[in-house]
Structure formats: C-alpha cells, structure tokens
Amino acid sequence: MGKALIAIVAVVLLVYAFFDLLATPRQQVRGLPKPAWFVVILLPFVGPLAWMFLGTQSRKGRPPRDSGYGWPGGRPPTRGPDDDPDYLRGL
C-alpha cells in the first residue's frame, strides 16, 4: 500500500506541474525556458517540486489583469436569465 501511495503522489505532482507549465505565460517562467522545464518535470518528485518552487513566479498578491472589459480579470460576470432586466422585460 505504501508503494502505491508514493506512486500516486508522484503521478499527481507530475500532472499538476505539467499542466501548470502549459498554463504559465512565458514571461512568468524563471530560470530555464519552458521546453527545458518540461524535461526537468519528468524527474520523479524533484522535477515537479523544482518547478513549483523555482520555476514560476508567485501569483499571490498580484492584481488580476484588466482585459478591457472594465471588470478585473476579464469579462463581466455572467448572469442568469432571472437576473437580466432585458430578459425579464420581454416576459
């Protein structure tokens, strides 16, 4: 059971680091270029942990980007039809 748990943790770390690498913009990657980080991530335990602690800048404390919609982080929040005055006016 212990070996299986270690293998599961290793796979979870690998998958998380891989998708985080894909989602991270090139400007926020530290140390190595993204293809080199991909190779590093393939090392069990050490690679994903190195990516999480050394490869990417901290996202905490940063304000969300304004994409021009006037809302922090992008588009305005979606509303259901019962919250939309234009929809209710047409009933």
C-alpha atoms as a PDB file:
ATOM      1  CA  MET A   1       0.000   0.000   0.000  1.00  0.00           C
ATOM      2  CA  GLY A   2       2.861   2.371   0.807  1.00  0.00           C
ATOM      3  CA  LYS A   3       4.490   1.971  -2.601  1.00  0.00           C
ATOM      4  CA  ALA A   4       1.199   2.600  -4.360  1.00  0.00           C
ATOM      5  CA  LEU A   5       0.666   5.795  -2.365  1.00  0.00           C
ATOM      6  CA  ILE A   6       4.140   7.034  -3.294  1.00  0.00           C
ATOM      7  CA  ALA A   7       3.468   6.276  -6.964  1.00  0.00           C
ATOM      8  CA  ILE A   8       0.109   8.090  -6.838  1.00  0.00           C
ATOM      9  CA  VAL A   9       1.684  11.161  -5.228  1.00  0.00           C
ATOM     10  CA  ALA A  10       4.421  11.178  -7.876  1.00  0.00           C
ATOM     11  CA  VAL A  11       1.884  10.995 -10.713  1.00  0.00           C
ATOM     12  CA  VAL A  12      -0.289  13.728  -9.180  1.00  0.00           C
ATOM     13  CA  LEU A  13       2.737  16.022  -8.819  1.00  0.00           C
ATOM     14  CA  LEU A  14       3.793  15.288 -12.398  1.00  0.00           C
ATOM     15  CA  VAL A  15       0.351  16.016 -13.848  1.00  0.00           C
ATOM     16  CA  TYR A  16      -0.098  19.194 -11.791  1.00  0.00           C
ATOM     17  CA  ALA A  17       3.338  20.546 -12.730  1.00  0.00           C
ATOM     18  CA  PHE A  18       2.849  19.680 -16.406  1.00  0.00           C
ATOM     19  CA  PHE A  19      -0.485  21.495 -16.709  1.00  0.00           C
ATOM     20  CA  ASP A  20       0.792  24.408 -14.632  1.00  0.00           C
ATOM     21  CA  LEU A  21       3.759  24.681 -17.002  1.00  0.00           C
ATOM     22  CA  LEU A  22       1.424  24.739 -20.002  1.00  0.00           C
ATOM     23  CA  ALA A  23      -0.803  27.387 -18.417  1.00  0.00           C
ATOM     24  CA  THR A  24       2.025  29.672 -17.276  1.00  0.00           C
ATOM     25  CA  PRO A  25       2.885  32.509 -19.685  1.00  0.00           C
ATOM     26  CA  ARG A  26       6.466  32.578 -20.933  1.00  0.00           C
ATOM     27  CA  GLN A  27       7.103  35.884 -19.137  1.00  0.00           C
ATOM     28  CA  GLN A  28       6.417  34.305 -15.729  1.00  0.00           C
ATOM     29  CA  VAL A  29       8.816  31.356 -16.139  1.00  0.00           C
ATOM     30  CA  ARG A  30      12.054  31.721 -14.201  1.00  0.00           C
ATOM     31  CA  GLY A  31      15.418  30.062 -14.678  1.00  0.00           C
ATOM     32  CA  LEU A  32      15.040  27.856 -17.749  1.00  0.00           C
ATOM     33  CA  PRO A  33      12.982  28.059 -20.945  1.00  0.00           C
ATOM     34  CA  LYS A  34       9.690  26.162 -20.969  1.00  0.00           C
ATOM     35  CA  PRO A  35      10.954  23.173 -23.026  1.00  0.00           C
ATOM     36  CA  ALA A  36      13.804  22.679 -20.547  1.00  0.00           C
ATOM     37  CA  TRP A  37      11.352  22.815 -17.643  1.00  0.00           C
ATOM     38  CA  PHE A  38       9.327  20.093 -19.346  1.00  0.00           C
ATOM     39  CA  VAL A  39      12.369  17.813 -19.250  1.00  0.00           C
ATOM     40  CA  VAL A  40      13.053  18.721 -15.610  1.00  0.00           C
ATOM     41  CA  ILE A  41       9.446  17.994 -14.631  1.00  0.00           C
ATOM     42  CA  LEU A  42       9.852  14.418 -15.865  1.00  0.00           C
ATOM     43  CA  LEU A  43      12.228  13.695 -12.958  1.00  0.00           C
ATOM     44  CA  PRO A  44      10.155  11.996 -10.234  1.00  0.00           C
ATOM     45  CA  PHE A  45       9.383  14.229  -7.235  1.00  0.00           C
ATOM     46  CA  VAL A  46      12.378  16.537  -7.713  1.00  0.00           C
ATOM     47  CA  GLY A  47      11.275  17.923 -11.077  1.00  0.00           C
ATOM     48  CA  PRO A  48       7.707  18.934 -10.191  1.00  0.00           C
ATOM     49  CA  LEU A  49       8.807  20.354  -6.843  1.00  0.00           C
ATOM     50  CA  ALA A  50      11.594  22.332  -8.535  1.00  0.00           C
ATOM     51  CA  TRP A  51       9.032  23.734 -10.982  1.00  0.00           C
ATOM     52  CA  MET A  52       6.615  24.725  -8.218  1.00  0.00           C
ATOM     53  CA  PHE A  53       9.234  26.428  -6.038  1.00  0.00           C
ATOM     54  CA  LEU A  54      11.847  27.672  -8.506  1.00  0.00           C
ATOM     55  CA  GLY A  55      10.362  27.764 -11.987  1.00  0.00           C
ATOM     56  CA  THR A  56       7.420  30.081 -11.702  1.00  0.00           C
ATOM     57  CA  GLN A  57       6.823  33.441 -10.111  1.00  0.00           C
ATOM     58  CA  SER A  58       4.420  33.674  -7.224  1.00  0.00           C
ATOM     59  CA  ARG A  59       0.899  34.595  -8.307  1.00  0.00           C
ATOM     60  CA  LYS A  60      -0.163  35.746  -4.856  1.00  0.00           C
ATOM     61  CA  GLY A  61      -0.634  39.427  -4.299  1.00  0.00           C
ATOM     62  CA  ARG A  62      -0.910  40.343  -7.970  1.00  0.00           C
ATOM     63  CA  PRO A  63      -3.986  42.182  -9.104  1.00  0.00           C
ATOM     64  CA  PRO A  64      -5.904  40.441 -11.885  1.00  0.00           C
ATOM     65  CA  ARG A  65      -5.215  41.706 -15.390  1.00  0.00           C
ATOM     66  CA  ASP A  66      -7.701  44.069 -16.961  1.00  0.00           C
ATOM     67  CA  SER A  67      -8.586  42.806 -20.415  1.00  0.00           C
ATOM     68  CA  GLY A  68     -10.503  45.872 -21.475  1.00  0.00           C
ATOM     69  CA  TYR A  69     -13.963  44.763 -20.404  1.00  0.00           C
ATOM     70  CA  GLY A  70     -13.905  47.028 -17.361  1.00  0.00           C
ATOM     71  CA  TRP A  71     -14.009  44.122 -14.939  1.00  0.00           C
ATOM     72  CA  PRO A  72     -10.902  42.910 -13.106  1.00  0.00           C
ATOM     73  CA  GLY A  73      -9.793  39.690 -14.717  1.00  0.00           C
ATOM     74  CA  GLY A  74     -11.801  39.933 -17.921  1.00  0.00           C
ATOM     75  CA  ARG A  75     -15.420  39.721 -18.932  1.00  0.00           C
ATOM     76  CA  PRO A  76     -18.289  40.827 -16.733  1.00  0.00           C
ATOM     77  CA  PRO A  77     -19.782  38.078 -14.602  1.00  0.00           C
ATOM     78  CA  THR A  78     -22.436  36.028 -16.328  1.00  0.00           C
ATOM     79  CA  ARG A  79     -25.986  36.400 -15.134  1.00  0.00           C
ATOM     80  CA  GLY A  80     -28.846  34.005 -15.247  1.00  0.00           C
ATOM     81  CA  PRO A  81     -31.997  34.953 -17.117  1.00  0.00           C
ATOM     82  CA  ASP A  82     -33.804  35.728 -13.867  1.00  0.00           C
ATOM     83  CA  ASP A  83     -31.174  38.416 -13.080  1.00  0.00           C
ATOM     84  CA  ASP A  84     -31.180  40.023 -16.535  1.00  0.00           C
ATOM     85  CA  PRO A  85     -33.564  43.021 -16.690  1.00  0.00           C
ATOM     86  CA  ASP A  86     -33.721  42.895 -20.510  1.00  0.00           C
ATOM     87  CA  TYR A  87     -34.886  39.289 -20.437  1.00  0.00           C
ATOM     88  CA  LEU A  88     -37.434  39.954 -17.704  1.00  0.00           C
ATOM     89  CA  ARG A  89     -38.799  42.956 -19.594  1.00  0.00           C
ATOM     90  CA  GLY A  90     -39.605  40.688 -22.550  1.00  0.00           C
ATOM     91  CA  LEU A  91     -41.731  38.276 -20.484  1.00  0.00           C
END
